[in-house]
Amino acid sequence: MSVRLYVGNLPQSFDAKELEALFTGVGEGVRFKAVHDRETGSCRGFGFANVDDQKLAETVIAQLNGREFGGNALRIEISERKDSRSSAPGDRRGPGGGTPLRQVVNKVVHADQVDGEAPDPRWAGELAKLKQLLDSQKVSV
């Protein structure tokens, strides 16, 4: 039975043959397809690999999850099939309805009133980038 793997954290531009060679190094029978943006045609940063059997899928995950590729650490896990999800639109819970499919990490919650002393959490990422940019432009005198 074929197993579908999610392959994430791909660089915007990468050589597909290089990635396929990485998979082939683990074992034969791995087919990969990147997901591309409809408008620009560039990679959206993830794709899916079909693996011939469960044992090979586990080996691929063990050997390549977290491995550096094109400057990024790959994220490889077993993909959740669309048909296994709940039929309710917008419901992110599994078929049992009790537990979420994927745990949300570093979730930013919108607040209408922002604490006057703390930066607005909606802009925290941009603020961090701006601080790094300013730090890199400082000149030692």
Protein backbone atom coordinates (compact mmCIF):
# COMPACT_ATOMS: atom_id res chain seq x y z
CA MET A 1 0.00 0.00 0.00
CA SER A 2 1.33 3.43 -0.93
CA VAL A 3 2.04 5.95 1.84
CA ARG A 4 1.86 9.68 1.20
CA LEU A 5 4.39 11.92 2.94
CA TYR A 6 4.25 15.69 3.44
CA VAL A 7 7.61 17.30 2.58
CA GLY A 8 7.79 20.85 3.89
CA ASN A 9 10.19 23.73 4.42
CA LEU A 10 11.51 23.51 0.86
CA PRO A 11 13.48 26.47 -0.48
CA GLN A 12 11.68 28.71 -3.01
CA SER A 13 13.98 27.52 -5.79
CA PHE A 14 15.56 24.08 -5.70
CA ASP A 15 16.67 21.38 -8.10
CA ALA A 16 14.02 18.65 -8.18
CA LYS A 17 16.59 16.09 -9.38
CA GLU A 18 18.74 16.86 -6.34
CA LEU A 19 15.78 16.22 -4.02
CA GLU A 20 14.87 13.03 -5.88
CA ALA A 21 18.48 11.86 -5.50
CA LEU A 22 18.17 12.49 -1.76
CA PHE A 23 15.07 10.29 -1.63
CA THR A 24 16.64 7.61 -3.85
CA GLY A 25 19.60 7.48 -1.45
CA VAL A 26 17.20 6.25 1.23
CA GLY A 27 15.48 3.68 -0.99
CA GLU A 28 13.87 3.01 -4.35
CA GLY A 29 10.16 3.62 -4.84
CA VAL A 30 9.85 7.25 -3.68
CA ARG A 31 8.05 9.62 -6.06
CA PHE A 32 7.97 13.35 -5.24
CA LYS A 33 5.85 16.21 -6.57
CA ALA A 34 6.24 19.82 -5.44
CA VAL A 35 3.24 22.12 -5.04
CA HIS A 36 3.56 25.25 -7.19
CA ASP A 37 1.80 28.62 -7.00
CA ARG A 38 -0.79 28.94 -9.77
CA GLU A 39 0.05 32.55 -10.59
CA THR A 40 3.85 32.67 -10.31
CA GLY A 41 4.72 29.03 -10.95
CA SER A 42 7.26 29.05 -8.10
CA CYS A 43 7.35 26.36 -5.42
CA ARG A 44 5.09 27.08 -2.45
CA GLY A 45 7.61 25.53 -0.06
CA PHE A 46 6.13 22.06 0.22
CA GLY A 47 5.20 18.98 -1.74
CA PHE A 48 4.20 15.35 -1.37
CA ALA A 49 6.10 12.11 -1.79
CA ASN A 50 4.45 8.76 -2.46
CA VAL A 51 6.32 5.83 -0.96
CA ASP A 52 5.70 2.17 -1.87
CA ASP A 53 5.42 0.79 1.68
CA GLN A 54 5.12 1.81 5.34
CA LYS A 55 8.59 0.58 6.33
CA LEU A 56 10.26 2.68 3.62
CA ALA A 57 8.13 5.69 4.64
CA GLU A 58 9.34 5.37 8.24
CA THR A 59 12.94 5.11 7.00
CA VAL A 60 12.54 8.24 4.86
CA ILE A 61 11.14 10.17 7.83
CA ALA A 62 13.87 8.92 10.18
CA GLN A 63 16.73 9.78 7.82
CA LEU A 64 15.52 13.00 6.16
CA ASN A 65 13.30 14.81 8.67
CA GLY A 66 15.30 17.81 9.90
CA ARG A 67 18.06 17.30 7.33
CA GLU A 68 19.46 20.45 5.69
CA PHE A 69 18.45 20.96 2.06
CA GLY A 70 19.05 24.20 0.19
CA GLY A 71 19.61 26.12 3.42
CA ASN A 72 16.42 24.85 5.09
CA ALA A 73 15.78 21.96 7.48
CA LEU A 74 13.33 19.60 5.74
CA ARG A 75 10.10 18.71 7.52
CA ILE A 76 8.84 15.26 6.56
CA GLU A 77 5.82 13.56 8.11
CA ILE A 78 2.99 11.26 7.12
CA SER A 79 0.36 13.27 5.24
CA GLU A 80 -3.21 13.40 6.48
CA ARG A 81 -5.52 12.42 3.64
CA LYS A 82 -8.41 14.75 2.84
CA ASP A 83 -10.97 11.95 3.03
CA SER A 84 -9.94 11.12 6.63
CA ARG A 85 -10.88 14.60 7.84
CA SER A 86 -14.22 15.61 9.23
CA SER A 87 -16.83 16.56 6.64
CA ALA A 88 -17.77 19.82 8.39
CA PRO A 89 -16.31 22.79 6.48
CA GLY A 90 -13.67 24.63 8.47
CA ASP A 91 -13.54 21.97 11.16
CA ARG A 92 -9.86 21.17 11.84
CA ARG A 93 -10.58 18.18 14.04
CA GLY A 94 -10.13 14.53 13.19
CA PRO A 95 -12.89 12.02 12.51
CA GLY A 96 -13.46 11.47 16.24
CA GLY A 97 -14.05 15.19 16.70
CA GLY A 98 -12.04 15.28 19.93
CA THR A 99 -8.43 16.06 19.12
CA PRO A 100 -7.01 18.41 16.52
CA LEU A 101 -5.08 16.85 13.63
CA ARG A 102 -2.05 19.06 14.13
CA GLN A 103 -1.07 21.01 17.22
CA VAL A 104 -0.82 24.75 16.65
CA VAL A 105 2.49 26.19 17.83
CA ASN A 106 3.32 29.89 18.32
CA LYS A 107 -0.21 30.95 17.51
CA VAL A 108 -0.73 34.71 17.47
CA VAL A 109 -4.13 35.64 18.83
CA HIS A 110 -5.75 38.84 17.57
CA ALA A 111 -6.63 41.37 20.24
CA ASP A 112 -8.74 44.47 19.64
CA GLN A 113 -7.04 46.31 22.49
CA VAL A 114 -3.27 46.24 22.50
CA ASP A 115 -1.24 46.67 25.68
CA GLY A 116 0.38 50.12 25.43
CA GLU A 117 3.80 48.87 26.55
CA ALA A 118 3.99 45.68 24.48
CA PRO A 119 4.28 45.61 20.68
CA ASP A 120 1.20 44.57 18.74
CA PRO A 121 1.48 40.75 18.33
CA ARG A 122 0.17 41.01 14.77
CA TRP A 123 3.38 42.85 13.83
CA ALA A 124 5.85 41.01 16.09
CA GLY A 125 7.46 39.11 13.20
CA GLU A 126 7.91 42.24 11.10
CA LEU A 127 9.26 44.12 14.11
CA ALA A 128 11.87 41.41 14.72
CA LYS A 129 12.95 41.58 11.04
CA LEU A 130 13.23 45.38 11.26
CA LYS A 131 15.36 45.15 14.41
CA GLN A 132 17.71 42.67 12.68
CA LEU A 133 17.97 44.95 9.67
CA LEU A 134 18.81 47.96 11.85
CA ASP A 135 21.36 45.97 13.87
CA SER A 136 23.09 44.88 10.67
CA GLN A 137 23.36 48.49 9.49
CA LYS A 138 25.02 49.81 12.66
CA VAL A 139 28.56 50.95 12.01
CA SER A 140 31.22 50.74 14.70
CA VAL A 141 32.95 54.11 15.16
